[in-house]
Structure formats: C-alpha cells, structure tokens
Amino acid sequence: MLFRILIIISGVASLIYFINPASFEKLNPKDKDVLGITSANAAINKGQVETALMLYCIDKSDLPNDLNQLYGDYLDQKTKINLNQLYNYKIEEKETCDYLLKAL
C-alpha cells in the first residue's frame, strides 16, 4: 500500500513537472536552474554549440563576439534561451578560430 502511494505521488509530481516545469522554480530560485535541468542541458548540448562555432568560423572566417550571434538574431528575438548565460565563452585567437567553451 505504501509503495502504491509513493508511485502515485511521484507520478503526479512527474506529470506536473512535465506540463509546467516553472512550477518547481521555488526549489532553486537563485539561478533559475530548476532542479539542475539547465546545467545538465548546457553540458549535454555543448557539442552542438561547438559545431555551430566551427560552422560559423568556416562560413565567416571569424568567431562571434558572443554565443547568441551564432544563430543570427533568432535567439535574441525569441528570448527563450541565452547561450551567454549557459556557457563561459572566451576567444583565444580569432585568426585560427581558437576558443574556450565551458558549460557553467
């Protein structure tokens, strides 16, 4: 009986989180990283950002000053994600497209 109650409660919590993850914001309000999801996503998606940096460098023979420039103004217009807050990005050498990228 206790096991069934635990399954029901965890199922309801998972459903609520799936429908509206912002409702769990009070659990970690200081950096808006709800249950560590943003940090995990940044670490997982680092490869895609590095690929976008490589393609940008091949296309323009330069590196962007900030990461939101990778996708033109699309990220600024939508304001759904700010790559500059998810990654620590530093240009080492513009001519050779050397950079440091670290998930925060």
PDB file of N, CA and C in Angstrom:
ATOM      1  N   MET A   1       0.827  -1.193   0.000  1.00  0.00           N
ATOM      2  CA  MET A   1       0.000   0.000   0.000  1.00  0.00           C
ATOM      3  C   MET A   1       0.875   1.262   0.000  1.00  0.00           C
ATOM      4  N   LEU A   2       1.904   1.264   0.820  1.00  0.00           N
ATOM      5  CA  LEU A   2       2.810   2.412   0.878  1.00  0.00           C
ATOM      6  C   LEU A   2       3.521   2.603  -0.467  1.00  0.00           C
ATOM      7  N   PHE A   3       3.869   1.493  -1.104  1.00  0.00           N
ATOM      8  CA  PHE A   3       4.530   1.554  -2.402  1.00  0.00           C
ATOM      9  C   PHE A   3       3.616   2.170  -3.452  1.00  0.00           C
ATOM     10  N   ARG A   4       2.348   1.823  -3.434  1.00  0.00           N
ATOM     11  CA  ARG A   4       1.389   2.392  -4.389  1.00  0.00           C
ATOM     12  C   ARG A   4       1.228   3.893  -4.186  1.00  0.00           C
ATOM     13  N   ILE A   5       1.177   4.323  -2.942  1.00  0.00           N
ATOM     14  CA  ILE A   5       1.064   5.755  -2.648  1.00  0.00           C
ATOM     15  C   ILE A   5       2.297   6.497  -3.155  1.00  0.00           C
ATOM     16  N   LEU A   6       3.469   5.914  -2.944  1.00  0.00           N
ATOM     17  CA  LEU A   6       4.711   6.518  -3.420  1.00  0.00           C
ATOM     18  C   LEU A   6       4.722   6.618  -4.947  1.00  0.00           C
ATOM     19  N   ILE A   7       4.277   5.580  -5.620  1.00  0.00           N
ATOM     20  CA  ILE A   7       4.208   5.589  -7.088  1.00  0.00           C
ATOM     21  C   ILE A   7       3.231   6.651  -7.575  1.00  0.00           C
ATOM     22  N   ILE A   8       2.088   6.764  -6.944  1.00  0.00           N
ATOM     23  CA  ILE A   8       1.082   7.757  -7.351  1.00  0.00           C
ATOM     24  C   ILE A   8       1.612   9.170  -7.141  1.00  0.00           C
ATOM     25  N   ILE A   9       2.220   9.425  -5.983  1.00  0.00           N
ATOM     26  CA  ILE A   9       2.738  10.774  -5.694  1.00  0.00           C
ATOM     27  C   ILE A   9       3.863  11.139  -6.662  1.00  0.00           C
ATOM     28  N   SER A  10       4.778  10.215  -6.911  1.00  0.00           N
ATOM     29  CA  SER A  10       5.867  10.523  -7.843  1.00  0.00           C
ATOM     30  C   SER A  10       5.339  10.680  -9.267  1.00  0.00           C
ATOM     31  N   GLY A  11       4.333   9.935  -9.636  1.00  0.00           N
ATOM     32  CA  GLY A  11       3.730  10.077 -10.962  1.00  0.00           C
ATOM     33  C   GLY A  11       3.057  11.423 -11.144  1.00  0.00           C
ATOM     34  N   VAL A  12       2.330  11.857 -10.120  1.00  0.00           N
ATOM     35  CA  VAL A  12       1.670  13.167 -10.189  1.00  0.00           C
ATOM     36  C   VAL A  12       2.714  14.282 -10.248  1.00  0.00           C
ATOM     37  N   ALA A  13       3.770  14.182  -9.427  1.00  0.00           N
ATOM     38  CA  ALA A  13       4.831  15.188  -9.451  1.00  0.00           C
ATOM     39  C   ALA A  13       5.519  15.220 -10.813  1.00  0.00           C
ATOM     40  N   SER A  14       5.762  14.058 -11.404  1.00  0.00           N
ATOM     41  CA  SER A  14       6.389  13.997 -12.723  1.00  0.00           C
ATOM     42  C   SER A  14       5.485  14.612 -13.783  1.00  0.00           C
ATOM     43  N   LEU A  15       4.200  14.365 -13.700  1.00  0.00           N
ATOM     44  CA  LEU A  15       3.254  14.930 -14.654  1.00  0.00           C
ATOM     45  C   LEU A  15       3.212  16.450 -14.540  1.00  0.00           C
ATOM     46  N   ILE A  16       3.173  16.942 -13.309  1.00  0.00           N
ATOM     47  CA  ILE A  16       3.159  18.396 -13.108  1.00  0.00           C
ATOM     48  C   ILE A  16       4.444  19.013 -13.645  1.00  0.00           C
ATOM     49  N   TYR A  17       5.586  18.364 -13.370  1.00  0.00           N
ATOM     50  CA  TYR A  17       6.853  18.888 -13.867  1.00  0.00           C
ATOM     51  C   TYR A  17       6.908  18.853 -15.389  1.00  0.00           C
ATOM     52  N   PHE A  18       6.370  17.809 -16.007  1.00  0.00           N
ATOM     53  CA  PHE A  18       6.350  17.697 -17.459  1.00  0.00           C
ATOM     54  C   PHE A  18       5.480  18.788 -18.078  1.00  0.00           C
ATOM     55  N   ILE A  19       4.339  19.061 -17.477  1.00  0.00           N
ATOM     56  CA  ILE A  19       3.415  20.062 -18.016  1.00  0.00           C
ATOM     57  C   ILE A  19       3.909  21.474 -17.760  1.00  0.00           C
ATOM     58  N   ASN A  20       4.406  21.736 -16.541  1.00  0.00           N
ATOM     59  CA  ASN A  20       4.811  23.086 -16.182  1.00  0.00           C
ATOM     60  C   ASN A  20       6.047  23.046 -15.284  1.00  0.00           C
ATOM     61  N   PRO A  21       7.261  22.973 -15.859  1.00  0.00           N
ATOM     62  CA  PRO A  21       8.464  22.886 -15.033  1.00  0.00           C
ATOM     63  C   PRO A  21       8.722  24.152 -14.212  1.00  0.00           C
ATOM     64  N   ALA A  22       8.170  25.281 -14.636  1.00  0.00           N
ATOM     65  CA  ALA A  22       8.368  26.514 -13.882  1.00  0.00           C
ATOM     66  C   ALA A  22       7.707  26.461 -12.511  1.00  0.00           C
ATOM     67  N   SER A  23       6.752  25.546 -12.316  1.00  0.00           N
ATOM     68  CA  SER A  23       6.103  25.438 -11.008  1.00  0.00           C
ATOM     69  C   SER A  23       7.063  24.910  -9.940  1.00  0.00           C
ATOM     70  N   PHE A  24       8.184  24.328 -10.355  1.00  0.00           N
ATOM     71  CA  PHE A  24       9.192  23.842  -9.419  1.00  0.00           C
ATOM     72  C   PHE A  24      10.300  24.873  -9.190  1.00  0.00           C
ATOM     73  N   GLU A  25      10.109  26.073  -9.698  1.00  0.00           N
ATOM     74  CA  GLU A  25      11.127  27.115  -9.626  1.00  0.00           C
ATOM     75  C   GLU A  25      11.492  27.480  -8.197  1.00  0.00           C
ATOM     76  N   LYS A  26      10.572  27.353  -7.273  1.00  0.00           N
ATOM     77  CA  LYS A  26      10.826  27.725  -5.879  1.00  0.00           C
ATOM     78  C   LYS A  26      11.860  26.815  -5.219  1.00  0.00           C
ATOM     79  N   LEU A  27      12.107  25.652  -5.795  1.00  0.00           N
ATOM     80  CA  LEU A  27      13.083  24.737  -5.225  1.00  0.00           C
ATOM     81  C   LEU A  27      14.512  25.231  -5.420  1.00  0.00           C
ATOM     82  N   ASN A  28      14.754  26.032  -6.439  1.00  0.00           N
ATOM     83  CA  ASN A  28      16.087  26.551  -6.717  1.00  0.00           C
ATOM     84  C   ASN A  28      15.972  27.928  -7.358  1.00  0.00           C
ATOM     85  N   PRO A  29      15.554  28.949  -6.611  1.00  0.00           N
ATOM     86  CA  PRO A  29      15.247  30.234  -7.223  1.00  0.00           C
ATOM     87  C   PRO A  29      16.445  31.115  -7.547  1.00  0.00           C
ATOM     88  N   LYS A  30      17.614  30.884  -6.922  1.00  0.00           N
ATOM     89  CA  LYS A  30      18.685  31.861  -7.078  1.00  0.00           C
ATOM     90  C   LYS A  30      19.254  31.946  -8.483  1.00  0.00           C
ATOM     91  N   ASP A  31      19.434  30.845  -9.177  1.00  0.00           N
ATOM     92  CA  ASP A  31      19.996  30.916 -10.518  1.00  0.00           C
ATOM     93  C   ASP A  31      19.026  30.437 -11.598  1.00  0.00           C
ATOM     94  N   LYS A  32      17.783  30.248 -11.241  1.00  0.00           N
ATOM     95  CA  LYS A  32      16.716  29.838 -12.168  1.00  0.00           C
ATOM     96  C   LYS A  32      17.030  28.515 -12.866  1.00  0.00           C
ATOM     97  N   ASP A  33      17.838  27.696 -12.241  1.00  0.00           N
ATOM     98  CA  ASP A  33      18.184  26.386 -12.796  1.00  0.00           C
ATOM     99  C   ASP A  33      17.316  25.355 -12.104  1.00  0.00           C
ATOM    100  N   VAL A  34      16.119  25.137 -12.622  1.00  0.00           N
ATOM    101  CA  VAL A  34      15.128  24.294 -11.964  1.00  0.00           C
ATOM    102  C   VAL A  34      15.640  22.861 -11.874  1.00  0.00           C
ATOM    103  N   LEU A  35      15.907  22.413 -10.673  1.00  0.00           N
ATOM    104  CA  LEU A  35      16.363  21.057 -10.380  1.00  0.00           C
ATOM    105  C   LEU A  35      17.599  20.645 -11.175  1.00  0.00           C
ATOM    106  N   GLY A  36      18.429  21.609 -11.551  1.00  0.00           N
ATOM    107  CA  GLY A  36      19.658  21.302 -12.279  1.00  0.00           C
ATOM    108  C   GLY A  36      19.467  20.987 -13.741  1.00  0.00           C
ATOM    109  N   ILE A  37      18.266  21.185 -14.260  1.00  0.00           N
ATOM    110  CA  ILE A  37      17.975  20.835 -15.656  1.00  0.00           C
ATOM    111  C   ILE A  37      18.757  21.727 -16.627  1.00  0.00           C
ATOM    112  N   THR A  38      18.840  23.010 -16.345  1.00  0.00           N
ATOM    113  CA  THR A  38      19.536  23.918 -17.248  1.00  0.00           C
ATOM    114  C   THR A  38      21.018  23.586 -17.326  1.00  0.00           C
ATOM    115  N   SER A  39      21.640  23.294 -16.182  1.00  0.00           N
ATOM    116  CA  SER A  39      23.063  22.934 -16.183  1.00  0.00           C
ATOM    117  C   SER A  39      23.301  21.645 -16.939  1.00  0.00           C
ATOM    118  N   ALA A  40      22.431  20.669 -16.747  1.00  0.00           N
ATOM    119  CA  ALA A  40      22.582  19.388 -17.451  1.00  0.00           C
ATOM    120  C   ALA A  40      22.408  19.584 -18.947  1.00  0.00           C
ATOM    121  N   ASN A  41      21.435  20.374 -19.356  1.00  0.00           N
ATOM    122  CA  ASN A  41      21.217  20.634 -20.772  1.00  0.00           C
ATOM    123  C   ASN A  41      22.403  21.361 -21.394  1.00  0.00           C
ATOM    124  N   ALA A  42      22.993  22.294 -20.635  1.00  0.00           N
ATOM    125  CA  ALA A  42      24.152  23.018 -21.154  1.00  0.00           C
ATOM    126  C   ALA A  42      25.319  22.064 -21.376  1.00  0.00           C
ATOM    127  N   ALA A  43      25.547  21.159 -20.447  1.00  0.00           N
ATOM    128  CA  ALA A  43      26.646  20.207 -20.587  1.00  0.00           C
ATOM    129  C   ALA A  43      26.396  19.244 -21.748  1.00  0.00           C
ATOM    130  N   ILE A  44      25.163  18.785 -21.889  1.00  0.00           N
ATOM    131  CA  ILE A  44      24.827  17.834 -22.952  1.00  0.00           C
ATOM    132  C   ILE A  44      24.915  18.494 -24.330  1.00  0.00           C
ATOM    133  N   ASN A  45      24.478  19.734 -24.429  1.00  0.00           N
ATOM    134  CA  ASN A  45      24.415  20.422 -25.724  1.00  0.00           C
ATOM    135  C   ASN A  45      25.683  21.179 -26.081  1.00  0.00           C
ATOM    136  N   LYS A  46      26.736  21.010 -25.301  1.00  0.00           N
ATOM    137  CA  LYS A  46      27.992  21.698 -25.587  1.00  0.00           C
ATOM    138  C   LYS A  46      28.533  21.315 -26.963  1.00  0.00           C
ATOM    139  N   GLY A  47      28.382  20.066 -27.352  1.00  0.00           N
ATOM    140  CA  GLY A  47      28.847  19.613 -28.666  1.00  0.00           C
ATOM    141  C   GLY A  47      28.163  20.330 -29.812  1.00  0.00           C
ATOM    142  N   GLN A  48      26.863  20.560 -29.687  1.00  0.00           N
ATOM    143  CA  GLN A  48      26.123  21.272 -30.741  1.00  0.00           C
ATOM    144  C   GLN A  48      26.589  22.726 -30.845  1.00  0.00           C
ATOM    145  N   VAL A  49      26.879  23.338 -29.700  1.00  0.00           N
ATOM    146  CA  VAL A  49      27.356  24.724 -29.723  1.00  0.00           C
ATOM    147  C   VAL A  49      28.746  24.778 -30.347  1.00  0.00           C
ATOM    148  N   GLU A  50      29.600  23.796 -30.033  1.00  0.00           N
ATOM    149  CA  GLU A  50      30.930  23.756 -30.644  1.00  0.00           C
ATOM    150  C   GLU A  50      30.839  23.535 -32.151  1.00  0.00           C
ATOM    151  N   THR A  51      29.893  22.713 -32.588  1.00  0.00           N
ATOM    152  CA  THR A  51      29.685  22.501 -34.014  1.00  0.00           C
ATOM    153  C   THR A  51      29.217  23.799 -34.679  1.00  0.00           C
ATOM    154  N   ALA A  52      28.312  24.510 -34.030  1.00  0.00           N
ATOM    155  CA  ALA A  52      27.842  25.785 -34.572  1.00  0.00           C
ATOM    156  C   ALA A  52      28.987  26.795 -34.637  1.00  0.00           C
ATOM    157  N   LEU A  53      29.872  26.793 -33.646  1.00  0.00           N
ATOM    158  CA  LEU A  53      31.038  27.687 -33.681  1.00  0.00           C
ATOM    159  C   LEU A  53      31.958  27.331 -34.842  1.00  0.00           C
ATOM    160  N   MET A  54      32.173  26.045 -35.068  1.00  0.00           N
ATOM    161  CA  MET A  54      33.030  25.616 -36.171  1.00  0.00           C
ATOM    162  C   MET A  54      32.427  26.032 -37.519  1.00  0.00           C
ATOM    163  N   LEU A  55      31.125  25.817 -37.688  1.00  0.00           N
ATOM    164  CA  LEU A  55      30.472  26.205 -38.939  1.00  0.00           C
ATOM    165  C   LEU A  55      30.487  27.721 -39.143  1.00  0.00           C
ATOM    166  N   TYR A  56      30.308  28.460 -38.063  1.00  0.00           N
ATOM    167  CA  TYR A  56      30.367  29.921 -38.139  1.00  0.00           C
ATOM    168  C   TYR A  56      31.758  30.357 -38.584  1.00  0.00           C
ATOM    169  N   CYS A  57      32.780  29.708 -38.020  1.00  0.00           N
ATOM    170  CA  CYS A  57      34.158  30.047 -38.358  1.00  0.00           C
ATOM    171  C   CYS A  57      34.456  29.717 -39.814  1.00  0.00           C
ATOM    172  N   ILE A  58      33.975  28.579 -40.295  1.00  0.00           N
ATOM    173  CA  ILE A  58      34.196  28.206 -41.691  1.00  0.00           C
ATOM    174  C   ILE A  58      33.476  29.172 -42.630  1.00  0.00           C
ATOM    175  N   ASP A  59      32.259  29.553 -42.267  1.00  0.00           N
ATOM    176  CA  ASP A  59      31.454  30.424 -43.118  1.00  0.00           C
ATOM    177  C   ASP A  59      31.974  31.858 -43.147  1.00  0.00           C
ATOM    178  N   LYS A  60      32.290  32.400 -41.980  1.00  0.00           N
ATOM    179  CA  LYS A  60      32.647  33.819 -41.893  1.00  0.00           C
ATOM    180  C   LYS A  60      34.136  34.060 -41.693  1.00  0.00           C
ATOM    181  N   SER A  61      34.923  33.010 -41.501  1.00  0.00           N
ATOM    182  CA  SER A  61      36.364  33.110 -41.212  1.00  0.00           C
ATOM    183  C   SER A  61      36.623  33.990 -39.993  1.00  0.00           C
ATOM    184  N   ASP A  62      35.767  33.876 -39.032  1.00  0.00           N
ATOM    185  CA  ASP A  62      35.854  34.680 -37.812  1.00  0.00           C
ATOM    186  C   ASP A  62      35.048  33.990 -36.723  1.00  0.00           C
ATOM    187  N   LEU A  63      35.196  34.446 -35.495  1.00  0.00           N
ATOM    188  CA  LEU A  63      34.388  33.944 -34.392  1.00  0.00           C
ATOM    189  C   LEU A  63      33.436  35.033 -33.924  1.00  0.00           C
ATOM    190  N   PRO A  64      32.252  34.662 -33.457  1.00  0.00           N
ATOM    191  CA  PRO A  64      31.326  35.677 -32.953  1.00  0.00           C
ATOM    192  C   PRO A  64      31.812  36.234 -31.609  1.00  0.00           C
ATOM    193  N   ASN A  65      31.430  37.466 -31.327  1.00  0.00           N
ATOM    194  CA  ASN A  65      31.810  38.073 -30.042  1.00  0.00           C
ATOM    195  C   ASN A  65      31.056  37.449 -28.883  1.00  0.00           C
ATOM    196  N   ASP A  66      29.802  37.071 -29.110  1.00  0.00           N
ATOM    197  CA  ASP A  66      29.048  36.334 -28.090  1.00  0.00           C
ATOM    198  C   ASP A  66      28.314  35.174 -28.761  1.00  0.00           C
ATOM    199  N   LEU A  67      27.913  34.227 -27.956  1.00  0.00           N
ATOM    200  CA  LEU A  67      27.354  32.994 -28.498  1.00  0.00           C
ATOM    201  C   LEU A  67      25.987  33.173 -29.152  1.00  0.00           C
ATOM    202  N   ASN A  68      25.229  34.176 -28.750  1.00  0.00           N
ATOM    203  CA  ASN A  68      23.913  34.387 -29.349  1.00  0.00           C
ATOM    204  C   ASN A  68      24.005  34.819 -30.808  1.00  0.00           C
ATOM    205  N   GLN A  69      25.182  35.279 -31.245  1.00  0.00           N
ATOM    206  CA  GLN A  69      25.370  35.654 -32.642  1.00  0.00           C
ATOM    207  C   GLN A  69      25.459  34.437 -33.555  1.00  0.00           C
ATOM    208  N   LEU A  70      25.630  33.255 -32.981  1.00  0.00           N
ATOM    209  CA  LEU A  70      25.735  32.037 -33.798  1.00  0.00           C
ATOM    210  C   LEU A  70      24.500  31.820 -34.651  1.00  0.00           C
ATOM    211  N   TYR A  71      23.363  32.157 -34.136  1.00  0.00           N
ATOM    212  CA  TYR A  71      22.098  31.913 -34.827  1.00  0.00           C
ATOM    213  C   TYR A  71      21.477  33.211 -35.319  1.00  0.00           C
ATOM    214  N   GLY A  72      22.288  34.170 -35.649  1.00  0.00           N
ATOM    215  CA  GLY A  72      21.780  35.462 -36.098  1.00  0.00           C
ATOM    216  C   GLY A  72      21.075  36.149 -34.944  1.00  0.00           C
ATOM    217  N   ASP A  73      19.956  36.767 -35.220  1.00  0.00           N
ATOM    218  CA  ASP A  73      19.174  37.414 -34.172  1.00  0.00           C
ATOM    219  C   ASP A  73      18.047  36.520 -33.680  1.00  0.00           C
ATOM    220  N   TYR A  74      18.040  35.269 -34.094  1.00  0.00           N
ATOM    221  CA  TYR A  74      16.939  34.374 -33.743  1.00  0.00           C
ATOM    222  C   TYR A  74      16.799  34.205 -32.236  1.00  0.00           C
ATOM    223  N   LEU A  75      17.902  33.963 -31.528  1.00  0.00           N
ATOM    224  CA  LEU A  75      17.816  33.748 -30.084  1.00  0.00           C
ATOM    225  C   LEU A  75      17.431  35.023 -29.344  1.00  0.00           C
ATOM    226  N   ASP A  76      17.898  36.175 -29.836  1.00  0.00           N
ATOM    227  CA  ASP A  76      17.528  37.436 -29.198  1.00  0.00           C
ATOM    228  C   ASP A  76      16.054  37.761 -29.407  1.00  0.00           C
ATOM    229  N   GLN A  77      15.528  37.418 -30.579  1.00  0.00           N
ATOM    230  CA  GLN A  77      14.121  37.700 -30.857  1.00  0.00           C
ATOM    231  C   GLN A  77      13.212  36.808 -30.030  1.00  0.00           C
ATOM    232  N   LYS A  78      13.555  35.560 -29.912  1.00  0.00           N
ATOM    233  CA  LYS A  78      12.698  34.616 -29.195  1.00  0.00           C
ATOM    234  C   LYS A  78      12.883  34.701 -27.682  1.00  0.00           C
ATOM    235  N   THR A  79      14.039  35.106 -27.234  1.00  0.00           N
ATOM    236  CA  THR A  79      14.407  35.214 -25.812  1.00  0.00           C
ATOM    237  C   THR A  79      14.057  33.958 -25.017  1.00  0.00           C
ATOM    238  N   LYS A  80      14.097  32.817 -25.663  1.00  0.00           N
ATOM    239  CA  LYS A  80      13.821  31.581 -24.946  1.00  0.00           C
ATOM    240  C   LYS A  80      15.086  31.018 -24.326  1.00  0.00           C
ATOM    241  N   ILE A  81      16.224  31.334 -24.904  1.00  0.00           N
ATOM    242  CA  ILE A  81      17.478  30.808 -24.387  1.00  0.00           C
ATOM    243  C   ILE A  81      18.563  31.864 -24.586  1.00  0.00           C
ATOM    244  N   ASN A  82      19.429  31.968 -23.619  1.00  0.00           N
ATOM    245  CA  ASN A  82      20.551  32.888 -23.705  1.00  0.00           C
ATOM    246  C   ASN A  82      21.813  32.057 -23.538  1.00  0.00           C
ATOM    247  N   LEU A  83      22.490  31.782 -24.631  1.00  0.00           N
ATOM    248  CA  LEU A  83      23.683  30.947 -24.586  1.00  0.00           C
ATOM    249  C   LEU A  83      24.795  31.578 -23.759  1.00  0.00           C
ATOM    250  N   ASN A  84      24.799  32.901 -23.681  1.00  0.00           N
ATOM    251  CA  ASN A  84      25.839  33.575 -22.900  1.00  0.00           C
ATOM    252  C   ASN A  84      25.704  33.295 -21.408  1.00  0.00           C
ATOM    253  N   GLN A  85      24.509  32.972 -20.947  1.00  0.00           N
ATOM    254  CA  GLN A  85      24.318  32.635 -19.538  1.00  0.00           C
ATOM    255  C   GLN A  85      24.574  31.156 -19.263  1.00  0.00           C
ATOM    256  N   LEU A  86      24.565  30.332 -20.284  1.00  0.00           N
ATOM    257  CA  LEU A  86      24.774  28.900 -20.103  1.00  0.00           C
ATOM    258  C   LEU A  86      26.232  28.480 -20.242  1.00  0.00           C
ATOM    259  N   TYR A  87      27.014  29.263 -20.993  1.00  0.00           N
ATOM    260  CA  TYR A  87      28.391  28.881 -21.286  1.00  0.00           C
ATOM    261  C   TYR A  87      29.345  30.026 -20.992  1.00  0.00           C
ATOM    262  N   ASN A  88      30.539  29.654 -20.594  1.00  0.00           N
ATOM    263  CA  ASN A  88      31.637  30.604 -20.460  1.00  0.00           C
ATOM    264  C   ASN A  88      32.424  30.520 -21.764  1.00  0.00           C
ATOM    265  N   TYR A  89      32.392  31.577 -22.543  1.00  0.00           N
ATOM    266  CA  TYR A  89      32.973  31.591 -23.883  1.00  0.00           C
ATOM    267  C   TYR A  89      34.063  32.645 -23.933  1.00  0.00           C
ATOM    268  N   LYS A  90      35.244  32.223 -24.357  1.00  0.00           N
ATOM    269  CA  LYS A  90      36.375  33.147 -24.447  1.00  0.00           C
ATOM    270  C   LYS A  90      37.111  32.886 -25.755  1.00  0.00           C
ATOM    271  N   ILE A  91      37.354  33.944 -26.502  1.00  0.00           N
ATOM    272  CA  ILE A  91      38.093  33.837 -27.757  1.00  0.00           C
ATOM    273  C   ILE A  91      39.580  33.929 -27.439  1.00  0.00           C
ATOM    274  N   GLU A  92      40.335  32.932 -27.893  1.00  0.00           N
ATOM    275  CA  GLU A  92      41.782  32.951 -27.685  1.00  0.00           C
ATOM    276  C   GLU A  92      42.506  33.540 -28.900  1.00  0.00           C
ATOM    277  N   GLU A  93      42.157  33.082 -30.088  1.00  0.00           N
ATOM    278  CA  GLU A  93      42.797  33.555 -31.312  1.00  0.00           C
ATOM    279  C   GLU A  93      41.758  33.583 -32.418  1.00  0.00           C
ATOM    280  N   LYS A  94      41.435  34.788 -32.910  1.00  0.00           N
ATOM    281  CA  LYS A  94      40.387  34.911 -33.923  1.00  0.00           C
ATOM    282  C   LYS A  94      40.810  34.344 -35.273  1.00  0.00           C
ATOM    283  N   GLU A  95      42.072  34.525 -35.648  1.00  0.00           N
ATOM    284  CA  GLU A  95      42.514  34.088 -36.976  1.00  0.00           C
ATOM    285  C   GLU A  95      42.437  32.564 -37.134  1.00  0.00           C
ATOM    286  N   THR A  96      42.776  31.847 -36.077  1.00  0.00           N
ATOM    287  CA  THR A  96      42.768  30.383 -36.156  1.00  0.00           C
ATOM    288  C   THR A  96      41.518  29.775 -35.543  1.00  0.00           C
ATOM    289  N   CYS A  97      40.584  30.614 -35.125  1.00  0.00           N
ATOM    290  CA  CYS A  97      39.322  30.184 -34.529  1.00  0.00           C
ATOM    291  C   CYS A  97      39.535  29.335 -33.259  1.00  0.00           C
ATOM    292  N   ASP A  98      40.478  29.738 -32.457  1.00  0.00           N
ATOM    293  CA  ASP A  98      40.695  29.064 -31.164  1.00  0.00           C
ATOM    294  C   ASP A  98      39.858  29.745 -30.092  1.00  0.00           C
ATOM    295  N   TYR A  99      39.164  28.948 -29.335  1.00  0.00           N
ATOM    296  CA  TYR A  99      38.290  29.471 -28.289  1.00  0.00           C
ATOM    297  C   TYR A  99      38.227  28.485 -27.124  1.00  0.00           C
ATOM    298  N   LEU A 100      37.740  28.962 -26.012  1.00  0.00           N
ATOM    299  CA  LEU A 100      37.459  28.129 -24.854  1.00  0.00           C
ATOM    300  C   LEU A 100      35.964  28.177 -24.610  1.00  0.00           C
ATOM    301  N   LEU A 101      35.347  27.019 -24.437  1.00  0.00           N
ATOM    302  CA  LEU A 101      33.911  26.950 -24.183  1.00  0.00           C
ATOM    303  C   LEU A 101      33.689  26.009 -23.015  1.00  0.00           C
ATOM    304  N   LYS A 102      33.036  26.522 -21.989  1.00  0.00           N
ATOM    305  CA  LYS A 102      32.796  25.741 -20.795  1.00  0.00           C
ATOM    306  C   LYS A 102      31.344  25.917 -20.348  1.00  0.00           C
ATOM    307  N   ALA A 103      30.684  24.824 -20.061  1.00  0.00           N
ATOM    308  CA  ALA A 103      29.314  24.908 -19.531  1.00  0.00           C
ATOM    309  C   ALA A 103      29.376  25.382 -18.089  1.00  0.00           C
ATOM    310  N   LEU A 104      28.508  26.323 -17.744  1.00  0.00           N
ATOM    311  CA  LEU A 104      28.510  26.855 -16.373  1.00  0.00           C
ATOM    312  C   LEU A 104      27.795  25.956 -15.413  1.00  0.00           C
TER     313      LEU A 104
END
